[in-house]
Amino acid sequence: MPGRRILAGVRVLDITQIVAGPVCTRMLADLGANVVKVDAPGRDGDEGPRRSAGPAAQNSGKRSIVVDLKRPEGLAVAKKLAQAADVLVQNYRPGALEALGLGYEQLRALNPRLIYTTISGFGDNTSFARRGAFGATAHAEAGWLWVQQQAQGGDQPLRAGRHGSRHRDRDERLYGRPRGALRPGPHGRRPGDQRDPHGQPACFPR
């Protein structure tokens, strides 16, 4: 891409998994951000990263580092990366990173200007907050499986061919949260901000 890309010079720490988070940060990388993806170590003695996020296409344009966040030395590496980052993107269940010492308040103490962005299926303060949220979860909650069943005239709920909700999740975070975080002015996020925990969740609030 010729010329300077709009996010050139922005440092993003990517602590995401599955689809919505990795694709969101991949798009930030496409826009010029310097994205460092934190990968979990391999299993069963495998020294390579465990790409729980899926295809390599979701992580193209990023740099990658294998870090075991459950070990003190791995946690120290993650905190050092957070100190140098402008933006952190994570999509673990609420409370998961806080338990590791990588929550918003914990990292803000190390890097007051860090913008901490969270992707959540059901929001941070709802009765479903700690539930996992995947495409099929959203389809079932919304009744979309039943709609597909009725359209096909079948006797069982039918999964849609495209996981629309997880892409909506990704797009909301790309065009809603990160863009808002990086855009200056009264509607943008300021350095040191956290995504509004009462903001619209990607799937369904309860």
N, C-alpha and C. Protein backbone atom coordinates (compact mmCIF):
# COMPACT_ATOMS: atom_id res chain seq x y z
N MET A 1 0.85 -1.18 0.00
CA MET A 1 0.00 0.00 0.00
C MET A 1 0.89 1.24 0.00
N PRO A 2 0.79 2.11 -0.99
CA PRO A 2 1.67 3.27 -1.06
C PRO A 2 1.31 4.31 -0.01
N GLY A 3 2.32 5.10 0.36
CA GLY A 3 2.07 6.19 1.29
C GLY A 3 1.96 5.72 2.73
N ARG A 4 1.73 6.65 3.60
CA ARG A 4 1.65 6.37 5.04
C ARG A 4 0.25 5.89 5.40
N ARG A 5 0.17 4.76 6.06
CA ARG A 5 -1.12 4.23 6.49
C ARG A 5 -1.57 4.91 7.78
N ILE A 6 -2.86 5.00 7.99
CA ILE A 6 -3.40 5.89 9.01
C ILE A 6 -3.02 5.49 10.44
N LEU A 7 -2.72 4.22 10.68
CA LEU A 7 -2.36 3.80 12.02
C LEU A 7 -0.86 3.55 12.17
N ALA A 8 -0.08 4.02 11.22
CA ALA A 8 1.37 3.87 11.31
C ALA A 8 1.89 4.49 12.59
N GLY A 9 2.71 3.75 13.31
CA GLY A 9 3.27 4.24 14.56
C GLY A 9 2.47 3.89 15.80
N VAL A 10 1.25 3.37 15.62
CA VAL A 10 0.43 2.96 16.76
C VAL A 10 0.81 1.54 17.16
N ARG A 11 1.14 1.33 18.42
CA ARG A 11 1.58 0.03 18.91
C ARG A 11 0.41 -0.67 19.60
N VAL A 12 0.08 -1.85 19.09
CA VAL A 12 -1.08 -2.61 19.59
C VAL A 12 -0.59 -3.93 20.18
N LEU A 13 -0.98 -4.19 21.41
CA LEU A 13 -0.71 -5.49 22.04
C LEU A 13 -1.96 -6.35 21.89
N ASP A 14 -1.82 -7.47 21.20
CA ASP A 14 -2.94 -8.34 20.84
C ASP A 14 -2.95 -9.56 21.75
N ILE A 15 -3.87 -9.57 22.73
CA ILE A 15 -4.04 -10.74 23.60
C ILE A 15 -5.44 -11.29 23.32
N THR A 16 -5.59 -11.87 22.13
CA THR A 16 -6.91 -12.33 21.70
C THR A 16 -6.85 -13.79 21.25
N GLN A 17 -8.03 -14.34 21.02
CA GLN A 17 -8.14 -15.73 20.61
C GLN A 17 -9.38 -15.91 19.76
N ILE A 18 -9.56 -17.10 19.21
CA ILE A 18 -10.69 -17.52 18.39
C ILE A 18 -10.75 -16.68 17.11
N VAL A 19 -11.83 -15.90 16.86
CA VAL A 19 -11.99 -15.20 15.58
C VAL A 19 -12.08 -13.69 15.74
N ALA A 20 -13.03 -13.21 16.55
CA ALA A 20 -13.33 -11.78 16.56
C ALA A 20 -12.11 -10.93 16.90
N GLY A 21 -11.38 -11.31 17.95
CA GLY A 21 -10.22 -10.53 18.36
C GLY A 21 -9.10 -10.55 17.35
N PRO A 22 -8.65 -11.75 16.91
CA PRO A 22 -7.54 -11.79 15.95
C PRO A 22 -7.85 -11.10 14.62
N VAL A 23 -9.09 -11.21 14.13
CA VAL A 23 -9.42 -10.55 12.87
C VAL A 23 -9.47 -9.03 13.06
N CYS A 24 -9.98 -8.60 14.20
CA CYS A 24 -10.00 -7.16 14.50
C CYS A 24 -8.59 -6.59 14.47
N THR A 25 -7.66 -7.24 15.18
CA THR A 25 -6.30 -6.71 15.23
C THR A 25 -5.57 -6.91 13.92
N ARG A 26 -5.95 -7.92 13.15
CA ARG A 26 -5.36 -8.07 11.81
C ARG A 26 -5.74 -6.85 10.95
N MET A 27 -6.98 -6.38 11.08
CA MET A 27 -7.40 -5.21 10.31
C MET A 27 -6.65 -3.96 10.78
N LEU A 28 -6.39 -3.87 12.08
CA LEU A 28 -5.58 -2.75 12.57
C LEU A 28 -4.18 -2.81 11.97
N ALA A 29 -3.64 -4.04 11.85
CA ALA A 29 -2.33 -4.20 11.21
C ALA A 29 -2.39 -3.77 9.75
N ASP A 30 -3.49 -4.12 9.08
CA ASP A 30 -3.66 -3.71 7.68
C ASP A 30 -3.66 -2.19 7.53
N LEU A 31 -4.12 -1.50 8.58
CA LEU A 31 -4.17 -0.04 8.56
C LEU A 31 -2.86 0.59 9.01
N GLY A 32 -1.86 -0.25 9.27
CA GLY A 32 -0.53 0.26 9.56
C GLY A 32 -0.08 0.13 10.99
N ALA A 33 -0.94 -0.36 11.89
CA ALA A 33 -0.53 -0.48 13.29
C ALA A 33 0.55 -1.55 13.45
N ASN A 34 1.40 -1.34 14.42
CA ASN A 34 2.44 -2.30 14.77
C ASN A 34 1.84 -3.24 15.81
N VAL A 35 1.36 -4.41 15.37
CA VAL A 35 0.62 -5.34 16.23
C VAL A 35 1.53 -6.48 16.67
N VAL A 36 1.58 -6.70 17.98
CA VAL A 36 2.32 -7.84 18.53
C VAL A 36 1.29 -8.81 19.10
N LYS A 37 1.24 -10.01 18.52
CA LYS A 37 0.28 -11.04 18.94
C LYS A 37 0.92 -11.93 19.99
N VAL A 38 0.26 -12.06 21.13
CA VAL A 38 0.73 -12.95 22.19
C VAL A 38 0.09 -14.32 21.97
N ASP A 39 0.92 -15.31 21.72
CA ASP A 39 0.44 -16.67 21.49
C ASP A 39 0.74 -17.54 22.69
N ALA A 40 -0.17 -18.46 22.95
CA ALA A 40 0.06 -19.45 24.00
C ALA A 40 1.08 -20.48 23.51
N PRO A 41 1.86 -21.07 24.42
CA PRO A 41 2.82 -22.08 23.99
C PRO A 41 2.13 -23.32 23.48
N GLY A 42 2.86 -24.13 22.71
CA GLY A 42 2.30 -25.35 22.17
C GLY A 42 2.04 -26.37 23.26
N ARG A 43 1.31 -27.39 22.91
CA ARG A 43 0.97 -28.44 23.86
C ARG A 43 1.82 -29.68 23.61
N ASP A 44 1.90 -30.51 24.64
CA ASP A 44 2.57 -31.81 24.53
C ASP A 44 4.01 -31.68 24.03
N GLY A 45 4.71 -30.69 24.54
CA GLY A 45 6.12 -30.55 24.18
C GLY A 45 6.37 -29.83 22.88
N ASP A 46 5.31 -29.43 22.18
CA ASP A 46 5.48 -28.68 20.93
C ASP A 46 6.00 -27.29 21.26
N GLU A 47 7.13 -26.92 20.69
CA GLU A 47 7.74 -25.64 21.02
C GLU A 47 7.13 -24.47 20.24
N GLY A 48 6.34 -24.75 19.24
CA GLY A 48 5.75 -23.69 18.44
C GLY A 48 4.53 -23.08 19.11
N PRO A 49 4.04 -21.94 18.61
CA PRO A 49 2.86 -21.32 19.19
C PRO A 49 1.60 -22.13 18.91
N ARG A 50 0.66 -22.04 19.81
CA ARG A 50 -0.63 -22.71 19.61
C ARG A 50 -1.59 -21.68 19.04
N ARG A 51 -1.90 -21.80 17.76
CA ARG A 51 -2.74 -20.82 17.09
C ARG A 51 -4.21 -21.11 17.36
N SER A 52 -4.63 -20.83 18.58
CA SER A 52 -6.03 -21.05 18.93
C SER A 52 -6.95 -20.12 18.16
N ALA A 53 -6.38 -19.07 17.56
CA ALA A 53 -7.18 -18.10 16.83
C ALA A 53 -7.61 -18.59 15.45
N GLY A 54 -7.13 -19.72 15.00
CA GLY A 54 -7.55 -20.24 13.71
C GLY A 54 -6.51 -20.01 12.63
N PRO A 55 -6.98 -19.81 11.39
CA PRO A 55 -6.07 -19.71 10.25
C PRO A 55 -5.04 -18.60 10.39
N ALA A 56 -3.91 -18.82 9.74
CA ALA A 56 -2.84 -17.82 9.78
C ALA A 56 -3.28 -16.50 9.16
N ALA A 57 -4.29 -16.55 8.27
CA ALA A 57 -4.77 -15.33 7.64
C ALA A 57 -5.29 -14.33 8.66
N GLN A 58 -5.78 -14.82 9.81
CA GLN A 58 -6.29 -13.93 10.84
C GLN A 58 -5.16 -13.19 11.56
N ASN A 59 -3.94 -13.65 11.36
CA ASN A 59 -2.82 -13.05 12.08
C ASN A 59 -1.74 -12.51 11.15
N SER A 60 -2.05 -12.39 9.88
CA SER A 60 -1.04 -11.88 8.96
C SER A 60 -0.78 -10.40 9.24
N GLY A 61 0.44 -9.98 8.98
CA GLY A 61 0.81 -8.59 9.22
C GLY A 61 1.18 -8.28 10.65
N LYS A 62 1.18 -9.30 11.52
CA LYS A 62 1.52 -9.09 12.93
C LYS A 62 2.87 -9.71 13.24
N ARG A 63 3.46 -9.24 14.32
CA ARG A 63 4.57 -9.95 14.91
C ARG A 63 4.01 -10.86 16.00
N SER A 64 4.72 -11.93 16.28
CA SER A 64 4.20 -12.90 17.23
C SER A 64 5.25 -13.24 18.28
N ILE A 65 4.78 -13.44 19.51
CA ILE A 65 5.66 -13.89 20.58
C ILE A 65 4.92 -14.95 21.39
N VAL A 66 5.61 -16.04 21.70
CA VAL A 66 5.03 -17.11 22.50
C VAL A 66 5.26 -16.79 23.98
N VAL A 67 4.17 -16.66 24.72
CA VAL A 67 4.25 -16.29 26.13
C VAL A 67 3.28 -17.16 26.93
N ASP A 68 3.77 -17.76 27.99
CA ASP A 68 2.91 -18.50 28.91
C ASP A 68 2.47 -17.54 30.01
N LEU A 69 1.26 -17.04 29.90
CA LEU A 69 0.77 -16.03 30.83
C LEU A 69 0.53 -16.58 32.23
N LYS A 70 0.59 -17.89 32.38
CA LYS A 70 0.35 -18.49 33.69
C LYS A 70 1.65 -18.69 34.48
N ARG A 71 2.76 -18.31 33.87
CA ARG A 71 4.06 -18.42 34.54
C ARG A 71 4.57 -17.01 34.87
N PRO A 72 5.22 -16.84 36.02
CA PRO A 72 5.67 -15.49 36.42
C PRO A 72 6.55 -14.81 35.36
N GLU A 73 7.44 -15.58 34.73
CA GLU A 73 8.31 -14.96 33.73
C GLU A 73 7.53 -14.54 32.49
N GLY A 74 6.50 -15.33 32.13
CA GLY A 74 5.65 -14.96 31.00
C GLY A 74 4.82 -13.73 31.31
N LEU A 75 4.31 -13.66 32.52
CA LEU A 75 3.53 -12.50 32.94
C LEU A 75 4.38 -11.24 32.93
N ALA A 76 5.64 -11.37 33.32
CA ALA A 76 6.54 -10.21 33.31
C ALA A 76 6.77 -9.71 31.90
N VAL A 77 6.87 -10.64 30.93
CA VAL A 77 7.03 -10.25 29.54
C VAL A 77 5.80 -9.51 29.03
N ALA A 78 4.62 -10.03 29.37
CA ALA A 78 3.38 -9.39 28.93
C ALA A 78 3.25 -7.98 29.51
N LYS A 79 3.62 -7.81 30.74
CA LYS A 79 3.54 -6.48 31.36
C LYS A 79 4.53 -5.51 30.71
N LYS A 80 5.69 -6.02 30.35
CA LYS A 80 6.67 -5.16 29.68
C LYS A 80 6.15 -4.73 28.31
N LEU A 81 5.49 -5.65 27.62
CA LEU A 81 4.90 -5.31 26.32
C LEU A 81 3.79 -4.27 26.50
N ALA A 82 2.99 -4.43 27.55
CA ALA A 82 1.90 -3.49 27.80
C ALA A 82 2.42 -2.11 28.13
N GLN A 83 3.56 -2.03 28.78
CA GLN A 83 4.15 -0.73 29.12
C GLN A 83 4.54 0.05 27.87
N ALA A 84 4.89 -0.68 26.81
CA ALA A 84 5.32 -0.02 25.57
C ALA A 84 4.19 0.17 24.57
N ALA A 85 3.00 -0.35 24.87
CA ALA A 85 1.89 -0.33 23.90
C ALA A 85 1.06 0.94 24.03
N ASP A 86 0.42 1.30 22.93
CA ASP A 86 -0.58 2.37 22.94
C ASP A 86 -1.97 1.82 23.19
N VAL A 87 -2.23 0.64 22.64
CA VAL A 87 -3.56 0.01 22.72
C VAL A 87 -3.38 -1.46 23.05
N LEU A 88 -4.23 -1.98 23.93
CA LEU A 88 -4.30 -3.42 24.18
C LEU A 88 -5.69 -3.89 23.78
N VAL A 89 -5.75 -4.99 23.03
CA VAL A 89 -7.04 -5.59 22.64
C VAL A 89 -7.08 -7.00 23.21
N GLN A 90 -8.16 -7.31 23.95
CA GLN A 90 -8.31 -8.66 24.50
C GLN A 90 -9.77 -9.08 24.40
N ASN A 91 -10.00 -10.39 24.28
CA ASN A 91 -11.37 -10.89 24.20
C ASN A 91 -11.58 -12.14 25.05
N TYR A 92 -10.88 -12.19 26.18
CA TYR A 92 -11.11 -13.27 27.14
C TYR A 92 -12.37 -12.97 27.95
N ARG A 93 -12.86 -13.98 28.63
CA ARG A 93 -14.05 -13.77 29.45
C ARG A 93 -13.74 -12.76 30.55
N PRO A 94 -14.75 -11.98 30.97
CA PRO A 94 -14.53 -10.98 32.02
C PRO A 94 -13.88 -11.61 33.25
N GLY A 95 -12.84 -10.97 33.73
CA GLY A 95 -12.16 -11.43 34.93
C GLY A 95 -10.96 -12.31 34.67
N ALA A 96 -10.84 -12.86 33.46
CA ALA A 96 -9.75 -13.80 33.17
C ALA A 96 -8.38 -13.11 33.23
N LEU A 97 -8.25 -11.98 32.55
CA LEU A 97 -6.95 -11.30 32.57
C LEU A 97 -6.70 -10.61 33.90
N GLU A 98 -7.76 -10.17 34.57
CA GLU A 98 -7.60 -9.58 35.90
C GLU A 98 -6.98 -10.60 36.85
N ALA A 99 -7.43 -11.85 36.73
CA ALA A 99 -6.90 -12.91 37.60
C ALA A 99 -5.41 -13.16 37.36
N LEU A 100 -4.95 -12.85 36.14
CA LEU A 100 -3.54 -13.02 35.81
C LEU A 100 -2.70 -11.79 36.13
N GLY A 101 -3.38 -10.71 36.50
CA GLY A 101 -2.66 -9.47 36.75
C GLY A 101 -2.55 -8.58 35.54
N LEU A 102 -3.41 -8.82 34.53
CA LEU A 102 -3.36 -8.05 33.29
C LEU A 102 -4.66 -7.30 33.02
N GLY A 103 -5.39 -6.98 34.09
CA GLY A 103 -6.62 -6.21 33.93
C GLY A 103 -6.34 -4.74 33.67
N TYR A 104 -7.40 -3.98 33.42
CA TYR A 104 -7.26 -2.56 33.08
C TYR A 104 -6.58 -1.78 34.20
N GLU A 105 -7.10 -1.88 35.41
CA GLU A 105 -6.53 -1.10 36.51
C GLU A 105 -5.09 -1.52 36.79
N GLN A 106 -4.81 -2.81 36.66
CA GLN A 106 -3.46 -3.30 36.94
C GLN A 106 -2.46 -2.76 35.93
N LEU A 107 -2.85 -2.76 34.64
CA LEU A 107 -1.94 -2.27 33.61
C LEU A 107 -1.90 -0.75 33.55
N ARG A 108 -2.98 -0.13 33.94
CA ARG A 108 -3.00 1.33 33.96
C ARG A 108 -1.96 1.88 34.94
N ALA A 109 -1.73 1.14 36.02
CA ALA A 109 -0.72 1.56 36.98
C ALA A 109 0.67 1.53 36.37
N LEU A 110 0.87 0.67 35.38
CA LEU A 110 2.17 0.56 34.72
C LEU A 110 2.28 1.51 33.52
N ASN A 111 1.14 1.73 32.86
CA ASN A 111 1.12 2.54 31.64
C ASN A 111 -0.16 3.37 31.63
N PRO A 112 -0.15 4.55 32.24
CA PRO A 112 -1.37 5.36 32.36
C PRO A 112 -1.99 5.76 31.03
N ARG A 113 -1.22 5.74 29.95
CA ARG A 113 -1.75 6.17 28.65
C ARG A 113 -2.29 5.02 27.82
N LEU A 114 -2.24 3.80 28.36
CA LEU A 114 -2.70 2.63 27.61
C LEU A 114 -4.21 2.66 27.40
N ILE A 115 -4.63 2.46 26.16
CA ILE A 115 -6.05 2.32 25.84
C ILE A 115 -6.37 0.83 25.85
N TYR A 116 -7.27 0.43 26.73
CA TYR A 116 -7.57 -0.98 26.99
C TYR A 116 -8.92 -1.32 26.37
N THR A 117 -8.90 -2.13 25.32
CA THR A 117 -10.13 -2.43 24.57
C THR A 117 -10.51 -3.90 24.76
N THR A 118 -11.77 -4.13 25.13
CA THR A 118 -12.27 -5.47 25.39
C THR A 118 -13.36 -5.85 24.40
N ILE A 119 -13.29 -7.05 23.87
CA ILE A 119 -14.35 -7.61 23.03
C ILE A 119 -15.11 -8.62 23.88
N SER A 120 -16.42 -8.43 23.99
CA SER A 120 -17.22 -9.29 24.86
C SER A 120 -18.53 -9.65 24.18
N GLY A 121 -18.90 -10.90 24.26
CA GLY A 121 -20.15 -11.34 23.66
C GLY A 121 -21.38 -10.84 24.38
N PHE A 122 -21.33 -10.81 25.71
CA PHE A 122 -22.50 -10.46 26.50
C PHE A 122 -22.29 -9.27 27.42
N GLY A 123 -21.24 -8.49 27.18
CA GLY A 123 -20.97 -7.35 28.04
C GLY A 123 -20.24 -7.77 29.31
N ASP A 124 -19.77 -6.78 30.06
CA ASP A 124 -18.99 -7.06 31.26
C ASP A 124 -19.83 -7.13 32.52
N ASN A 125 -21.01 -6.53 32.50
CA ASN A 125 -21.84 -6.43 33.71
C ASN A 125 -23.25 -6.93 33.46
N THR A 126 -23.38 -8.12 32.91
CA THR A 126 -24.67 -8.74 32.70
C THR A 126 -24.66 -10.12 33.35
N SER A 127 -25.82 -10.73 33.48
CA SER A 127 -25.88 -12.04 34.12
C SER A 127 -25.22 -13.12 33.27
N PHE A 128 -25.02 -12.86 31.98
CA PHE A 128 -24.38 -13.82 31.09
C PHE A 128 -22.91 -13.46 30.83
N ALA A 129 -22.36 -12.51 31.58
CA ALA A 129 -21.05 -11.94 31.26
C ALA A 129 -19.96 -13.00 31.18
N ARG A 130 -20.01 -14.01 32.02
CA ARG A 130 -18.92 -14.99 32.07
C ARG A 130 -19.15 -16.18 31.15
N ARG A 131 -20.18 -16.12 30.36
CA ARG A 131 -20.41 -17.19 29.38
C ARG A 131 -19.57 -16.96 28.14
N GLY A 132 -19.11 -18.05 27.55
CA GLY A 132 -18.42 -17.94 26.28
C GLY A 132 -19.40 -17.54 25.19
N ALA A 133 -18.93 -16.80 24.21
CA ALA A 133 -19.80 -16.34 23.13
C ALA A 133 -19.15 -16.66 21.80
N PHE A 134 -19.77 -17.55 21.06
CA PHE A 134 -19.30 -17.93 19.73
C PHE A 134 -20.44 -17.69 18.75
N GLY A 135 -20.16 -17.88 17.47
CA GLY A 135 -21.21 -17.66 16.47
C GLY A 135 -22.45 -18.48 16.74
N ALA A 136 -22.26 -19.78 17.02
CA ALA A 136 -23.41 -20.65 17.27
C ALA A 136 -24.17 -20.25 18.52
N THR A 137 -23.46 -19.71 19.52
CA THR A 137 -24.11 -19.24 20.74
C THR A 137 -25.07 -18.11 20.43
N ALA A 138 -24.59 -17.15 19.66
CA ALA A 138 -25.42 -16.00 19.30
C ALA A 138 -26.60 -16.42 18.45
N HIS A 139 -26.38 -17.34 17.51
CA HIS A 139 -27.48 -17.81 16.66
C HIS A 139 -28.57 -18.47 17.49
N ALA A 140 -28.18 -19.29 18.46
CA ALA A 140 -29.16 -19.96 19.30
C ALA A 140 -29.91 -18.97 20.18
N GLU A 141 -29.18 -18.04 20.80
CA GLU A 141 -29.81 -17.05 21.67
C GLU A 141 -30.80 -16.17 20.92
N ALA A 142 -30.47 -15.85 19.69
CA ALA A 142 -31.32 -14.95 18.90
C ALA A 142 -32.49 -15.67 18.22
N GLY A 143 -32.51 -17.00 18.27
CA GLY A 143 -33.55 -17.74 17.57
C GLY A 143 -33.26 -17.95 16.10
N TRP A 144 -32.03 -17.62 15.69
CA TRP A 144 -31.69 -17.73 14.26
C TRP A 144 -31.69 -19.18 13.79
N LEU A 145 -31.33 -20.11 14.67
CA LEU A 145 -31.36 -21.52 14.28
C LEU A 145 -32.79 -21.96 13.98
N TRP A 146 -33.74 -21.45 14.76
CA TRP A 146 -35.15 -21.78 14.53
C TRP A 146 -35.63 -21.15 13.21
N VAL A 147 -35.19 -19.90 12.96
CA VAL A 147 -35.56 -19.24 11.70
C VAL A 147 -35.08 -20.06 10.51
N GLN A 148 -33.84 -20.55 10.59
CA GLN A 148 -33.30 -21.37 9.50
C GLN A 148 -34.07 -22.68 9.37
N GLN A 149 -34.46 -23.25 10.50
CA GLN A 149 -35.24 -24.48 10.47
C GLN A 149 -36.57 -24.26 9.76
N GLN A 150 -37.24 -23.15 10.09
CA GLN A 150 -38.52 -22.86 9.44
C GLN A 150 -38.35 -22.61 7.95
N ALA A 151 -37.27 -21.90 7.59
CA ALA A 151 -37.05 -21.60 6.17
C ALA A 151 -36.80 -22.87 5.36
N GLN A 152 -36.13 -23.85 5.99
CA GLN A 152 -35.81 -25.09 5.29
C GLN A 152 -36.90 -26.15 5.43
N GLY A 153 -37.86 -25.88 6.30
CA GLY A 153 -38.93 -26.85 6.50
C GLY A 153 -38.47 -28.12 7.20
N GLY A 154 -37.40 -28.01 8.00
CA GLY A 154 -36.87 -29.19 8.68
C GLY A 154 -37.49 -29.39 10.04
N ASP A 155 -37.06 -30.45 10.70
CA ASP A 155 -37.59 -30.75 12.04
C ASP A 155 -36.55 -30.49 13.13
N GLN A 156 -35.36 -29.97 12.76
CA GLN A 156 -34.31 -29.67 13.72
C GLN A 156 -33.77 -28.27 13.45
N PRO A 157 -33.33 -27.56 14.51
CA PRO A 157 -32.69 -26.27 14.30
C PRO A 157 -31.51 -26.41 13.33
N LEU A 158 -31.34 -25.43 12.48
CA LEU A 158 -30.33 -25.51 11.43
C LEU A 158 -29.36 -24.36 11.56
N ARG A 159 -28.07 -24.68 11.62
CA ARG A 159 -27.05 -23.64 11.73
C ARG A 159 -26.86 -22.94 10.39
N ALA A 160 -26.72 -21.62 10.46
CA ALA A 160 -26.47 -20.86 9.24
C ALA A 160 -25.07 -21.16 8.72
N GLY A 161 -24.90 -21.01 7.42
CA GLY A 161 -23.60 -21.32 6.83
C GLY A 161 -22.51 -20.35 7.21
N ARG A 162 -22.87 -19.09 7.45
CA ARG A 162 -21.88 -18.06 7.81
C ARG A 162 -22.12 -17.64 9.24
N HIS A 163 -21.05 -17.60 10.01
CA HIS A 163 -21.17 -17.22 11.41
C HIS A 163 -21.29 -15.71 11.51
N GLY A 164 -22.49 -15.22 11.25
CA GLY A 164 -22.68 -13.79 11.14
C GLY A 164 -22.39 -13.00 12.39
N SER A 165 -22.77 -13.54 13.56
CA SER A 165 -22.62 -12.78 14.79
C SER A 165 -21.16 -12.58 15.16
N ARG A 166 -20.33 -13.58 14.91
CA ARG A 166 -18.93 -13.38 15.29
C ARG A 166 -18.27 -12.36 14.36
N HIS A 167 -18.77 -12.26 13.11
CA HIS A 167 -18.24 -11.22 12.23
C HIS A 167 -18.78 -9.86 12.63
N ARG A 168 -20.03 -9.83 13.09
CA ARG A 168 -20.58 -8.58 13.60
C ARG A 168 -19.80 -8.15 14.83
N ASP A 169 -19.46 -9.13 15.67
CA ASP A 169 -18.62 -8.88 16.85
C ASP A 169 -17.31 -8.25 16.42
N ARG A 170 -16.65 -8.85 15.46
CA ARG A 170 -15.38 -8.33 14.96
C ARG A 170 -15.54 -6.93 14.39
N ASP A 171 -16.57 -6.75 13.55
CA ASP A 171 -16.73 -5.46 12.89
C ASP A 171 -17.06 -4.36 13.88
N GLU A 172 -17.89 -4.70 14.89
CA GLU A 172 -18.21 -3.71 15.92
C GLU A 172 -16.95 -3.24 16.62
N ARG A 173 -16.04 -4.19 16.91
CA ARG A 173 -14.84 -3.82 17.62
C ARG A 173 -13.86 -3.10 16.73
N LEU A 174 -13.84 -3.45 15.45
CA LEU A 174 -12.93 -2.74 14.55
C LEU A 174 -13.42 -1.32 14.32
N TYR A 175 -14.69 -1.19 13.88
CA TYR A 175 -15.17 0.12 13.45
C TYR A 175 -15.78 0.92 14.60
N GLY A 176 -16.15 0.23 15.70
CA GLY A 176 -16.71 0.93 16.84
C GLY A 176 -15.67 1.22 17.89
N ARG A 177 -15.08 0.16 18.48
CA ARG A 177 -14.18 0.37 19.61
C ARG A 177 -12.79 0.85 19.21
N PRO A 178 -12.01 0.10 18.44
CA PRO A 178 -10.66 0.60 18.16
C PRO A 178 -10.63 1.93 17.41
N ARG A 179 -11.54 2.10 16.44
CA ARG A 179 -11.53 3.37 15.71
C ARG A 179 -11.87 4.51 16.66
N GLY A 180 -12.86 4.28 17.53
CA GLY A 180 -13.21 5.31 18.50
C GLY A 180 -12.08 5.58 19.47
N ALA A 181 -11.34 4.52 19.82
CA ALA A 181 -10.23 4.68 20.75
C ALA A 181 -9.12 5.52 20.15
N LEU A 182 -8.92 5.40 18.86
CA LEU A 182 -7.80 6.08 18.23
C LEU A 182 -8.18 7.43 17.64
N ARG A 183 -9.48 7.72 17.53
CA ARG A 183 -9.91 8.97 16.91
C ARG A 183 -9.88 10.09 17.94
N PRO A 184 -9.24 11.21 17.64
CA PRO A 184 -9.22 12.33 18.57
C PRO A 184 -10.57 13.04 18.60
N GLY A 185 -10.77 13.87 19.59
CA GLY A 185 -11.99 14.65 19.66
C GLY A 185 -12.92 14.13 20.73
N PRO A 186 -14.07 14.80 20.92
CA PRO A 186 -14.96 14.49 22.03
C PRO A 186 -15.55 13.09 21.97
N HIS A 187 -15.63 12.47 20.78
CA HIS A 187 -16.22 11.14 20.67
C HIS A 187 -15.18 10.04 20.64
N GLY A 188 -13.91 10.39 20.68
CA GLY A 188 -12.85 9.39 20.66
C GLY A 188 -12.40 9.04 22.07
N ARG A 189 -11.55 8.04 22.17
CA ARG A 189 -11.00 7.64 23.46
C ARG A 189 -9.72 8.41 23.73
N ARG A 190 -9.50 8.71 24.96
CA ARG A 190 -8.30 9.39 25.39
C ARG A 190 -7.27 8.36 25.86
N PRO A 191 -5.97 8.68 25.80
CA PRO A 191 -4.98 7.78 26.37
C PRO A 191 -5.32 7.46 27.82
N GLY A 192 -5.24 6.19 28.17
CA GLY A 192 -5.56 5.75 29.51
C GLY A 192 -6.99 5.29 29.68
N ASP A 193 -7.80 5.38 28.63
CA ASP A 193 -9.20 4.98 28.73
C ASP A 193 -9.37 3.47 28.66
N GLN A 194 -10.52 3.05 29.17
CA GLN A 194 -10.98 1.68 29.02
C GLN A 194 -12.29 1.72 28.29
N ARG A 195 -12.58 0.67 27.54
CA ARG A 195 -13.87 0.58 26.89
C ARG A 195 -14.96 0.63 27.95
N ASP A 196 -16.02 1.39 27.69
CA ASP A 196 -17.12 1.54 28.64
C ASP A 196 -17.69 0.17 28.98
N PRO A 197 -17.59 -0.28 30.25
CA PRO A 197 -18.09 -1.61 30.59
C PRO A 197 -19.59 -1.73 30.45
N HIS A 198 -20.29 -0.60 30.36
CA HIS A 198 -21.74 -0.66 30.18
C HIS A 198 -22.13 -0.47 28.71
N GLY A 199 -21.13 -0.50 27.83
CA GLY A 199 -21.40 -0.32 26.41
C GLY A 199 -22.14 -1.51 25.82
N GLN A 200 -22.52 -1.40 24.58
CA GLN A 200 -23.30 -2.44 23.94
C GLN A 200 -22.47 -3.70 23.73
N PRO A 201 -22.90 -4.83 24.27
CA PRO A 201 -22.17 -6.07 24.03
C PRO A 201 -22.37 -6.53 22.60
N ALA A 202 -21.54 -7.43 22.14
CA ALA A 202 -21.59 -7.83 20.74
C ALA A 202 -22.78 -8.73 20.43
N CYS A 203 -23.27 -9.47 21.43
CA CYS A 203 -24.40 -10.36 21.15
C CYS A 203 -25.67 -9.85 21.83
N PHE A 204 -25.95 -10.30 23.03
CA PHE A 204 -27.23 -9.97 23.65
C PHE A 204 -27.04 -9.67 25.13
N PRO A 205 -27.44 -8.48 25.59
CA PRO A 205 -27.34 -8.18 27.02
C PRO A 205 -28.41 -8.92 27.80
N ARG A 206 -28.07 -9.34 29.00
CA ARG A 206 -29.06 -9.98 29.88
C ARG A 206 -29.01 -9.32 31.25
